[in-house]
Amino acid sequence: MNAESLNYSRPAKDDIFYHFFDAHTCKMSSCYECPFREKSCADLRIGDFWGDEYRNNKSGVSECLIITEKGRKVFNSLNGAKELKCTNNYFKFQQVLNYSKPAYYDCLFEDFRNTDMNLKDIDKKYNQNMKLRRLFEKIYGFYKKLFKNSETNDGVCCDNNKLHED
């Protein structure tokens, strides 16, 4: 980041803040116990969309999951660019279950408060296995795609529609 720009951009592998985000080590306590991940009370859920289909879209894509009939009516009343598309990608790319709060959570925050430790040292202490985990995820993803054609599609029923807006 420079003084002339308000944009911060760095590859994930080189970004210490992203290491903590990606490792799910220092979210707010409430994020580990969110009751709405598994059962929503909302009519619509709106957020950033993640998926290979929109990987090269530089302007971003929003997703709107229609949960109730009231949500469908609100969605249909919206003006502007919208593309209604049925997809099973929601469960592939969105966090639908709570992550487990790390056993070392309190120790991590003590280290953040410790002025004798810098962020890089704390990153090494708590996120040192991230590279190994990423390698495992890539191998797992490769085999999952490799064997995908032999599996039956028991994915999500397309009763819930989604919006992808450019």
N, C-alpha and C. Protein backbone atom coordinates (compact mmCIF):
# COMPACT_ATOMS: atom_id res chain seq x y z
N MET A 1 0.86 -1.17 0.00
CA MET A 1 0.00 0.00 0.00
C MET A 1 0.90 1.23 0.00
N ASN A 2 0.57 2.19 -0.80
CA ASN A 2 1.34 3.43 -0.80
C ASN A 2 0.43 4.60 -0.43
N ALA A 3 1.05 5.74 -0.16
CA ALA A 3 0.30 6.90 0.31
C ALA A 3 -0.65 7.45 -0.74
N GLU A 4 -0.39 7.18 -2.01
CA GLU A 4 -1.24 7.69 -3.08
C GLU A 4 -2.41 6.78 -3.40
N SER A 5 -2.40 5.59 -2.84
CA SER A 5 -3.43 4.62 -3.18
C SER A 5 -4.13 4.13 -1.93
N LEU A 6 -5.42 3.91 -2.04
CA LEU A 6 -6.18 3.33 -0.94
C LEU A 6 -6.38 1.83 -1.15
N ASN A 7 -5.80 1.30 -2.20
CA ASN A 7 -5.91 -0.13 -2.48
C ASN A 7 -4.74 -0.89 -1.89
N TYR A 8 -5.05 -2.04 -1.31
CA TYR A 8 -4.02 -2.93 -0.77
C TYR A 8 -4.15 -4.23 -1.53
N SER A 9 -3.08 -4.66 -2.13
CA SER A 9 -3.12 -5.89 -2.90
C SER A 9 -1.81 -6.63 -2.72
N ARG A 10 -1.92 -7.90 -2.41
CA ARG A 10 -0.75 -8.74 -2.21
C ARG A 10 -1.20 -10.19 -2.42
N PRO A 11 -0.37 -11.01 -3.02
CA PRO A 11 -0.74 -12.43 -3.17
C PRO A 11 -1.00 -13.05 -1.80
N ALA A 12 -1.98 -13.92 -1.72
CA ALA A 12 -2.38 -14.52 -0.45
C ALA A 12 -1.20 -15.17 0.27
N LYS A 13 -0.34 -15.82 -0.47
CA LYS A 13 0.79 -16.51 0.17
C LYS A 13 1.75 -15.55 0.86
N ASP A 14 1.76 -14.28 0.45
CA ASP A 14 2.67 -13.29 1.01
C ASP A 14 2.00 -12.35 2.01
N ASP A 15 0.73 -12.54 2.27
CA ASP A 15 -0.02 -11.61 3.10
C ASP A 15 -0.27 -12.20 4.49
N ILE A 16 0.36 -11.63 5.48
CA ILE A 16 0.24 -12.16 6.85
C ILE A 16 -1.19 -12.08 7.35
N PHE A 17 -1.88 -11.00 7.06
CA PHE A 17 -3.27 -10.87 7.51
C PHE A 17 -4.14 -11.97 6.88
N TYR A 18 -3.90 -12.26 5.62
CA TYR A 18 -4.67 -13.32 4.95
C TYR A 18 -4.36 -14.68 5.56
N HIS A 19 -3.13 -14.90 6.01
CA HIS A 19 -2.80 -16.18 6.64
C HIS A 19 -3.74 -16.45 7.82
N PHE A 20 -3.95 -15.44 8.65
CA PHE A 20 -4.83 -15.61 9.81
C PHE A 20 -6.28 -15.81 9.37
N PHE A 21 -6.71 -15.04 8.37
CA PHE A 21 -8.08 -15.18 7.86
C PHE A 21 -8.29 -16.58 7.28
N ASP A 22 -7.37 -17.01 6.43
CA ASP A 22 -7.52 -18.29 5.74
C ASP A 22 -7.40 -19.47 6.70
N ALA A 23 -6.63 -19.32 7.75
CA ALA A 23 -6.46 -20.41 8.72
C ALA A 23 -7.61 -20.45 9.73
N HIS A 24 -8.51 -19.48 9.69
CA HIS A 24 -9.67 -19.41 10.59
C HIS A 24 -9.23 -19.36 12.05
N THR A 25 -8.10 -18.70 12.31
CA THR A 25 -7.56 -18.69 13.67
C THR A 25 -7.99 -17.52 14.52
N CYS A 26 -8.39 -16.40 13.91
CA CYS A 26 -8.65 -15.23 14.76
C CYS A 26 -9.90 -14.47 14.34
N LYS A 27 -10.96 -15.20 14.13
CA LYS A 27 -12.24 -14.54 13.88
C LYS A 27 -12.83 -14.10 15.22
N MET A 28 -13.86 -13.30 15.16
CA MET A 28 -14.56 -12.94 16.40
C MET A 28 -15.16 -14.22 16.98
N SER A 29 -15.27 -14.28 18.29
CA SER A 29 -15.84 -15.48 18.93
C SER A 29 -17.20 -15.84 18.36
N SER A 30 -18.02 -14.82 18.09
CA SER A 30 -19.37 -15.07 17.58
C SER A 30 -19.35 -15.77 16.21
N CYS A 31 -18.28 -15.59 15.44
CA CYS A 31 -18.20 -16.23 14.12
C CYS A 31 -18.05 -17.74 14.21
N TYR A 32 -17.52 -18.21 15.33
CA TYR A 32 -17.37 -19.65 15.52
C TYR A 32 -18.66 -20.29 16.01
N GLU A 33 -19.61 -19.47 16.42
CA GLU A 33 -20.86 -19.98 17.00
C GLU A 33 -22.09 -19.39 16.33
N CYS A 34 -21.98 -19.01 15.08
CA CYS A 34 -23.08 -18.34 14.39
C CYS A 34 -24.26 -19.29 14.19
N PRO A 35 -25.42 -18.98 14.76
CA PRO A 35 -26.57 -19.87 14.62
C PRO A 35 -27.21 -19.82 13.23
N PHE A 36 -26.84 -18.83 12.42
CA PHE A 36 -27.50 -18.64 11.14
C PHE A 36 -26.80 -19.36 9.98
N ARG A 37 -25.66 -19.96 10.22
CA ARG A 37 -24.99 -20.70 9.15
C ARG A 37 -25.77 -21.96 8.78
N GLU A 38 -26.27 -22.63 9.79
CA GLU A 38 -26.96 -23.89 9.54
C GLU A 38 -28.46 -23.72 9.36
N LYS A 39 -29.03 -22.69 9.95
CA LYS A 39 -30.47 -22.46 9.80
C LYS A 39 -30.71 -20.96 9.78
N SER A 40 -31.07 -20.45 8.63
CA SER A 40 -31.25 -19.02 8.47
C SER A 40 -32.69 -18.62 8.76
N CYS A 41 -32.86 -17.44 9.29
CA CYS A 41 -34.18 -16.84 9.49
C CYS A 41 -34.47 -15.81 8.40
N ALA A 42 -33.55 -15.70 7.45
CA ALA A 42 -33.65 -14.67 6.42
C ALA A 42 -34.53 -15.12 5.26
N ASP A 43 -35.04 -14.16 4.52
CA ASP A 43 -35.78 -14.43 3.28
C ASP A 43 -34.81 -14.51 2.11
N LEU A 44 -33.72 -13.73 2.19
CA LEU A 44 -32.67 -13.70 1.17
C LEU A 44 -31.32 -13.71 1.87
N ARG A 45 -30.33 -14.29 1.22
CA ARG A 45 -28.94 -14.17 1.68
C ARG A 45 -28.15 -13.58 0.53
N ILE A 46 -27.43 -12.50 0.80
CA ILE A 46 -26.70 -11.79 -0.25
C ILE A 46 -25.23 -11.69 0.16
N GLY A 47 -24.34 -11.92 -0.80
CA GLY A 47 -22.92 -11.80 -0.50
C GLY A 47 -22.07 -11.97 -1.74
N ASP A 48 -20.77 -11.94 -1.55
CA ASP A 48 -19.84 -12.16 -2.65
C ASP A 48 -19.96 -13.60 -3.13
N PHE A 49 -19.84 -13.79 -4.43
CA PHE A 49 -19.89 -15.14 -4.98
C PHE A 49 -18.49 -15.62 -5.27
N TRP A 50 -18.22 -16.85 -4.93
CA TRP A 50 -16.92 -17.48 -5.17
C TRP A 50 -17.15 -18.68 -6.06
N GLY A 51 -16.38 -18.80 -7.08
CA GLY A 51 -16.50 -19.96 -7.94
C GLY A 51 -15.69 -19.82 -9.21
N ASP A 52 -15.32 -20.96 -9.79
CA ASP A 52 -14.49 -20.97 -10.99
C ASP A 52 -15.14 -20.25 -12.16
N GLU A 53 -16.45 -20.32 -12.26
CA GLU A 53 -17.17 -19.72 -13.38
C GLU A 53 -16.90 -18.22 -13.50
N TYR A 54 -16.70 -17.56 -12.37
CA TYR A 54 -16.51 -16.11 -12.36
C TYR A 54 -15.09 -15.71 -11.94
N ARG A 55 -14.16 -16.63 -12.03
CA ARG A 55 -12.78 -16.39 -11.59
C ARG A 55 -12.15 -15.17 -12.26
N ASN A 56 -12.42 -14.94 -13.54
CA ASN A 56 -11.81 -13.84 -14.27
C ASN A 56 -12.65 -12.57 -14.27
N ASN A 57 -13.73 -12.54 -13.55
CA ASN A 57 -14.57 -11.36 -13.47
C ASN A 57 -13.94 -10.38 -12.48
N LYS A 58 -13.42 -9.29 -12.99
CA LYS A 58 -12.68 -8.33 -12.16
C LYS A 58 -13.59 -7.36 -11.41
N SER A 59 -14.85 -7.23 -11.84
CA SER A 59 -15.73 -6.28 -11.16
C SER A 59 -16.47 -6.90 -9.99
N GLY A 60 -16.41 -8.21 -9.85
CA GLY A 60 -17.06 -8.88 -8.74
C GLY A 60 -18.45 -9.37 -9.09
N VAL A 61 -18.87 -10.39 -8.41
CA VAL A 61 -20.17 -11.00 -8.64
C VAL A 61 -20.86 -11.17 -7.29
N SER A 62 -22.09 -10.75 -7.21
CA SER A 62 -22.87 -10.94 -6.00
C SER A 62 -23.79 -12.13 -6.17
N GLU A 63 -24.09 -12.74 -5.05
CA GLU A 63 -24.97 -13.89 -5.06
C GLU A 63 -26.15 -13.60 -4.14
N CYS A 64 -27.32 -13.98 -4.59
CA CYS A 64 -28.52 -13.82 -3.77
C CYS A 64 -29.20 -15.18 -3.72
N LEU A 65 -29.24 -15.75 -2.55
CA LEU A 65 -29.90 -17.03 -2.35
C LEU A 65 -31.33 -16.74 -1.88
N ILE A 66 -32.30 -17.15 -2.66
CA ILE A 66 -33.71 -16.93 -2.31
C ILE A 66 -34.14 -18.08 -1.43
N ILE A 67 -34.56 -17.77 -0.21
CA ILE A 67 -34.88 -18.81 0.77
C ILE A 67 -36.38 -19.00 0.93
N THR A 68 -37.15 -17.92 0.86
CA THR A 68 -38.60 -18.01 1.08
C THR A 68 -39.35 -17.38 -0.09
N GLU A 69 -40.65 -17.59 -0.09
CA GLU A 69 -41.49 -16.98 -1.12
C GLU A 69 -41.47 -15.45 -1.00
N LYS A 70 -41.43 -14.95 0.22
CA LYS A 70 -41.32 -13.51 0.43
C LYS A 70 -40.01 -13.01 -0.20
N GLY A 71 -38.93 -13.76 -0.03
CA GLY A 71 -37.65 -13.40 -0.64
C GLY A 71 -37.74 -13.38 -2.16
N ARG A 72 -38.47 -14.34 -2.73
CA ARG A 72 -38.65 -14.38 -4.19
C ARG A 72 -39.39 -13.13 -4.67
N LYS A 73 -40.41 -12.70 -3.92
CA LYS A 73 -41.16 -11.49 -4.31
C LYS A 73 -40.26 -10.26 -4.25
N VAL A 74 -39.46 -10.15 -3.20
CA VAL A 74 -38.53 -9.01 -3.09
C VAL A 74 -37.54 -9.04 -4.25
N PHE A 75 -36.99 -10.21 -4.52
CA PHE A 75 -36.03 -10.35 -5.62
C PHE A 75 -36.66 -9.93 -6.94
N ASN A 76 -37.86 -10.39 -7.21
CA ASN A 76 -38.53 -10.08 -8.47
C ASN A 76 -38.86 -8.59 -8.59
N SER A 77 -38.96 -7.89 -7.46
CA SER A 77 -39.28 -6.47 -7.51
C SER A 77 -38.04 -5.59 -7.73
N LEU A 78 -36.86 -6.16 -7.66
CA LEU A 78 -35.63 -5.39 -7.82
C LEU A 78 -35.44 -4.95 -9.26
N ASN A 79 -34.95 -3.75 -9.42
CA ASN A 79 -34.58 -3.24 -10.75
C ASN A 79 -33.08 -3.38 -10.92
N GLY A 80 -32.63 -3.43 -12.15
CA GLY A 80 -31.20 -3.49 -12.41
C GLY A 80 -30.81 -4.81 -13.03
N ALA A 81 -29.53 -4.91 -13.35
CA ALA A 81 -29.01 -6.11 -14.00
C ALA A 81 -29.08 -7.29 -13.05
N LYS A 82 -29.70 -8.35 -13.50
CA LYS A 82 -29.72 -9.57 -12.71
C LYS A 82 -29.88 -10.76 -13.63
N GLU A 83 -29.24 -11.79 -13.26
CA GLU A 83 -29.29 -13.04 -14.01
C GLU A 83 -29.72 -14.13 -13.04
N LEU A 84 -30.86 -14.71 -13.29
CA LEU A 84 -31.36 -15.78 -12.45
C LEU A 84 -30.75 -17.09 -12.93
N LYS A 85 -30.13 -17.79 -12.04
CA LYS A 85 -29.42 -18.99 -12.43
C LYS A 85 -29.49 -20.00 -11.30
N CYS A 86 -29.84 -21.21 -11.62
CA CYS A 86 -29.88 -22.28 -10.64
C CYS A 86 -28.52 -22.95 -10.60
N THR A 87 -27.95 -23.05 -9.43
CA THR A 87 -26.61 -23.62 -9.31
C THR A 87 -26.43 -24.29 -7.97
N ASN A 88 -25.58 -25.27 -7.93
CA ASN A 88 -25.25 -25.95 -6.68
C ASN A 88 -23.99 -25.38 -6.05
N ASN A 89 -23.43 -24.33 -6.62
CA ASN A 89 -22.15 -23.81 -6.15
C ASN A 89 -22.20 -23.19 -4.75
N TYR A 90 -23.35 -22.83 -4.28
CA TYR A 90 -23.44 -22.21 -2.95
C TYR A 90 -22.75 -23.07 -1.90
N PHE A 91 -23.04 -24.36 -1.91
CA PHE A 91 -22.50 -25.24 -0.89
C PHE A 91 -21.04 -25.60 -1.15
N LYS A 92 -20.55 -25.35 -2.34
CA LYS A 92 -19.14 -25.59 -2.62
C LYS A 92 -18.26 -24.45 -2.13
N PHE A 93 -18.77 -23.22 -2.19
CA PHE A 93 -17.91 -22.06 -1.98
C PHE A 93 -18.28 -21.20 -0.78
N GLN A 94 -19.40 -21.43 -0.15
CA GLN A 94 -19.79 -20.62 0.99
C GLN A 94 -19.62 -21.42 2.28
N GLN A 95 -19.32 -20.72 3.34
CA GLN A 95 -19.17 -21.37 4.63
C GLN A 95 -20.56 -21.63 5.19
N VAL A 96 -20.98 -22.88 5.19
CA VAL A 96 -22.33 -23.21 5.65
C VAL A 96 -22.32 -23.86 7.04
N LEU A 97 -21.14 -24.20 7.53
CA LEU A 97 -21.01 -24.75 8.88
C LEU A 97 -20.01 -23.88 9.65
N ASN A 98 -20.17 -23.84 10.95
CA ASN A 98 -19.23 -23.08 11.77
C ASN A 98 -17.89 -23.79 11.84
N TYR A 99 -16.82 -23.00 11.83
CA TYR A 99 -15.49 -23.56 12.06
C TYR A 99 -15.32 -23.77 13.55
N SER A 100 -14.47 -24.70 13.90
CA SER A 100 -14.16 -24.92 15.30
C SER A 100 -13.22 -23.82 15.78
N LYS A 101 -13.50 -23.31 16.95
CA LYS A 101 -12.64 -22.30 17.54
C LYS A 101 -11.34 -22.99 17.96
N PRO A 102 -10.20 -22.45 17.54
CA PRO A 102 -8.93 -23.11 17.87
C PRO A 102 -8.71 -23.20 19.38
N ALA A 103 -8.12 -24.30 19.82
CA ALA A 103 -7.84 -24.48 21.25
C ALA A 103 -6.88 -23.40 21.75
N TYR A 104 -6.06 -22.86 20.88
CA TYR A 104 -5.08 -21.85 21.25
C TYR A 104 -5.58 -20.42 21.02
N TYR A 105 -6.87 -20.25 20.83
CA TYR A 105 -7.47 -18.95 20.51
C TYR A 105 -7.06 -17.86 21.52
N ASP A 106 -7.23 -18.13 22.81
CA ASP A 106 -6.90 -17.13 23.84
C ASP A 106 -5.40 -16.83 23.85
N CYS A 107 -4.58 -17.86 23.65
CA CYS A 107 -3.12 -17.66 23.61
C CYS A 107 -2.73 -16.78 22.42
N LEU A 108 -3.38 -17.00 21.29
CA LEU A 108 -3.11 -16.20 20.10
C LEU A 108 -3.37 -14.72 20.38
N PHE A 109 -4.49 -14.43 21.01
CA PHE A 109 -4.81 -13.03 21.28
C PHE A 109 -3.91 -12.44 22.37
N GLU A 110 -3.45 -13.26 23.28
CA GLU A 110 -2.45 -12.78 24.24
C GLU A 110 -1.17 -12.38 23.50
N ASP A 111 -0.78 -13.22 22.50
CA ASP A 111 0.40 -12.89 21.71
C ASP A 111 0.20 -11.62 20.89
N PHE A 112 -1.00 -11.40 20.39
CA PHE A 112 -1.28 -10.14 19.67
C PHE A 112 -1.09 -8.93 20.59
N ARG A 113 -1.49 -9.08 21.83
CA ARG A 113 -1.36 -7.98 22.79
C ARG A 113 0.08 -7.81 23.30
N ASN A 114 0.89 -8.85 23.14
CA ASN A 114 2.26 -8.84 23.61
C ASN A 114 3.11 -7.95 22.69
N THR A 115 3.59 -6.85 23.22
CA THR A 115 4.35 -5.91 22.39
C THR A 115 5.75 -6.41 22.06
N ASP A 116 6.18 -7.50 22.70
CA ASP A 116 7.50 -8.06 22.40
C ASP A 116 7.49 -8.94 21.15
N MET A 117 6.31 -9.32 20.70
CA MET A 117 6.22 -10.19 19.51
C MET A 117 5.70 -9.38 18.33
N ASN A 118 6.32 -9.57 17.17
CA ASN A 118 5.80 -8.90 15.98
C ASN A 118 4.87 -9.85 15.24
N LEU A 119 4.11 -9.30 14.32
CA LEU A 119 3.10 -10.08 13.61
C LEU A 119 3.70 -11.24 12.81
N LYS A 120 4.85 -11.03 12.26
CA LYS A 120 5.51 -12.09 11.48
C LYS A 120 5.84 -13.29 12.37
N ASP A 121 6.33 -13.04 13.58
CA ASP A 121 6.63 -14.14 14.51
C ASP A 121 5.35 -14.87 14.95
N ILE A 122 4.31 -14.11 15.18
CA ILE A 122 3.04 -14.72 15.57
C ILE A 122 2.50 -15.56 14.41
N ASP A 123 2.64 -15.06 13.19
CA ASP A 123 2.22 -15.81 12.00
C ASP A 123 2.96 -17.14 11.92
N LYS A 124 4.27 -17.11 12.11
CA LYS A 124 5.05 -18.36 12.07
C LYS A 124 4.61 -19.32 13.16
N LYS A 125 4.33 -18.80 14.33
CA LYS A 125 3.95 -19.64 15.46
C LYS A 125 2.61 -20.35 15.24
N TYR A 126 1.63 -19.64 14.67
CA TYR A 126 0.29 -20.20 14.58
C TYR A 126 -0.11 -20.69 13.18
N ASN A 127 0.54 -20.20 12.16
CA ASN A 127 0.12 -20.53 10.79
C ASN A 127 1.19 -21.28 10.00
N GLN A 128 2.16 -21.87 10.68
CA GLN A 128 3.27 -22.52 9.98
C GLN A 128 2.84 -23.70 9.11
N ASN A 129 1.72 -24.29 9.41
CA ASN A 129 1.27 -25.45 8.64
C ASN A 129 0.39 -25.07 7.45
N MET A 130 0.20 -23.77 7.22
CA MET A 130 -0.69 -23.34 6.15
C MET A 130 -0.23 -23.84 4.78
N LYS A 131 1.07 -23.76 4.50
CA LYS A 131 1.57 -24.20 3.20
C LYS A 131 1.31 -25.69 2.99
N LEU A 132 1.52 -26.48 4.03
CA LEU A 132 1.24 -27.91 3.94
C LEU A 132 -0.25 -28.15 3.73
N ARG A 133 -1.08 -27.40 4.44
CA ARG A 133 -2.52 -27.56 4.28
C ARG A 133 -2.96 -27.19 2.87
N ARG A 134 -2.40 -26.11 2.32
CA ARG A 134 -2.74 -25.70 0.96
C ARG A 134 -2.37 -26.79 -0.04
N LEU A 135 -1.20 -27.40 0.13
CA LEU A 135 -0.78 -28.48 -0.75
C LEU A 135 -1.77 -29.64 -0.65
N PHE A 136 -2.17 -30.00 0.56
CA PHE A 136 -3.14 -31.07 0.75
C PHE A 136 -4.47 -30.72 0.07
N GLU A 137 -4.93 -29.47 0.21
CA GLU A 137 -6.19 -29.05 -0.41
C GLU A 137 -6.11 -29.13 -1.92
N LYS A 138 -4.96 -28.77 -2.51
CA LYS A 138 -4.79 -28.86 -3.96
C LYS A 138 -4.83 -30.31 -4.41
N ILE A 139 -4.16 -31.19 -3.70
CA ILE A 139 -4.15 -32.62 -4.05
C ILE A 139 -5.56 -33.18 -3.90
N TYR A 140 -6.22 -32.84 -2.80
CA TYR A 140 -7.58 -33.31 -2.57
C TYR A 140 -8.51 -32.82 -3.67
N GLY A 141 -8.40 -31.53 -4.04
CA GLY A 141 -9.23 -30.96 -5.10
C GLY A 141 -8.99 -31.63 -6.43
N PHE A 142 -7.73 -31.95 -6.72
CA PHE A 142 -7.39 -32.64 -7.97
C PHE A 142 -8.09 -34.00 -8.02
N TYR A 143 -7.98 -34.78 -6.95
CA TYR A 143 -8.60 -36.10 -6.95
C TYR A 143 -10.12 -36.01 -6.94
N LYS A 144 -10.65 -35.02 -6.28
CA LYS A 144 -12.11 -34.84 -6.26
C LYS A 144 -12.62 -34.57 -7.67
N LYS A 145 -11.93 -33.70 -8.43
CA LYS A 145 -12.32 -33.43 -9.81
C LYS A 145 -12.11 -34.65 -10.69
N LEU A 146 -11.04 -35.38 -10.45
CA LEU A 146 -10.71 -36.55 -11.24
C LEU A 146 -11.81 -37.60 -11.14
N PHE A 147 -12.32 -37.80 -9.93
CA PHE A 147 -13.33 -38.83 -9.71
C PHE A 147 -14.75 -38.31 -9.75
N LYS A 148 -14.93 -37.03 -10.02
CA LYS A 148 -16.26 -36.41 -10.04
C LYS A 148 -17.19 -37.08 -11.05
N ASN A 149 -16.67 -37.42 -12.20
CA ASN A 149 -17.50 -38.02 -13.25
C ASN A 149 -18.04 -39.38 -12.87
N SER A 150 -17.39 -40.07 -11.95
CA SER A 150 -17.85 -41.40 -11.57
C SER A 150 -18.88 -41.36 -10.45
N GLU A 151 -19.05 -40.18 -9.82
CA GLU A 151 -20.01 -40.05 -8.73
C GLU A 151 -21.38 -39.69 -9.25
N THR A 152 -22.41 -40.05 -8.49
CA THR A 152 -23.77 -39.61 -8.83
C THR A 152 -23.95 -38.21 -8.29
N ASN A 153 -24.78 -37.44 -8.93
CA ASN A 153 -25.01 -36.07 -8.49
C ASN A 153 -26.11 -36.07 -7.45
N ASP A 154 -25.72 -36.09 -6.19
CA ASP A 154 -26.71 -36.01 -5.11
C ASP A 154 -26.62 -34.65 -4.44
N GLY A 155 -26.36 -33.63 -5.25
CA GLY A 155 -26.18 -32.27 -4.76
C GLY A 155 -27.48 -31.62 -4.35
N VAL A 156 -27.45 -30.35 -4.30
CA VAL A 156 -28.57 -29.56 -3.83
C VAL A 156 -29.66 -29.51 -4.89
N CYS A 157 -30.89 -29.63 -4.45
CA CYS A 157 -32.02 -29.48 -5.35
C CYS A 157 -32.09 -28.02 -5.78
N CYS A 158 -32.52 -27.80 -6.98
CA CYS A 158 -32.52 -26.43 -7.52
C CYS A 158 -33.79 -25.67 -7.19
N ASP A 159 -34.43 -25.94 -6.07
CA ASP A 159 -35.62 -25.18 -5.71
C ASP A 159 -35.26 -23.76 -5.29
N ASN A 160 -34.08 -23.58 -4.72
CA ASN A 160 -33.63 -22.25 -4.34
C ASN A 160 -32.84 -21.66 -5.50
N ASN A 161 -33.22 -20.48 -5.94
CA ASN A 161 -32.54 -19.83 -7.07
C ASN A 161 -31.54 -18.83 -6.54
N LYS A 162 -30.59 -18.50 -7.38
CA LYS A 162 -29.56 -17.54 -7.03
C LYS A 162 -29.44 -16.48 -8.07
N LEU A 163 -28.99 -15.35 -7.65
CA LEU A 163 -28.73 -14.23 -8.54
C LEU A 163 -27.24 -14.02 -8.64
N HIS A 164 -26.75 -13.86 -9.83
CA HIS A 164 -25.37 -13.48 -10.06
C HIS A 164 -25.40 -12.19 -10.84
N GLU A 165 -24.93 -11.13 -10.23
CA GLU A 165 -24.93 -9.82 -10.91
C GLU A 165 -23.51 -9.42 -11.21
N ASP A 166 -23.31 -8.92 -12.41
CA ASP A 166 -21.99 -8.38 -12.77
C ASP A 166 -21.91 -6.95 -12.33
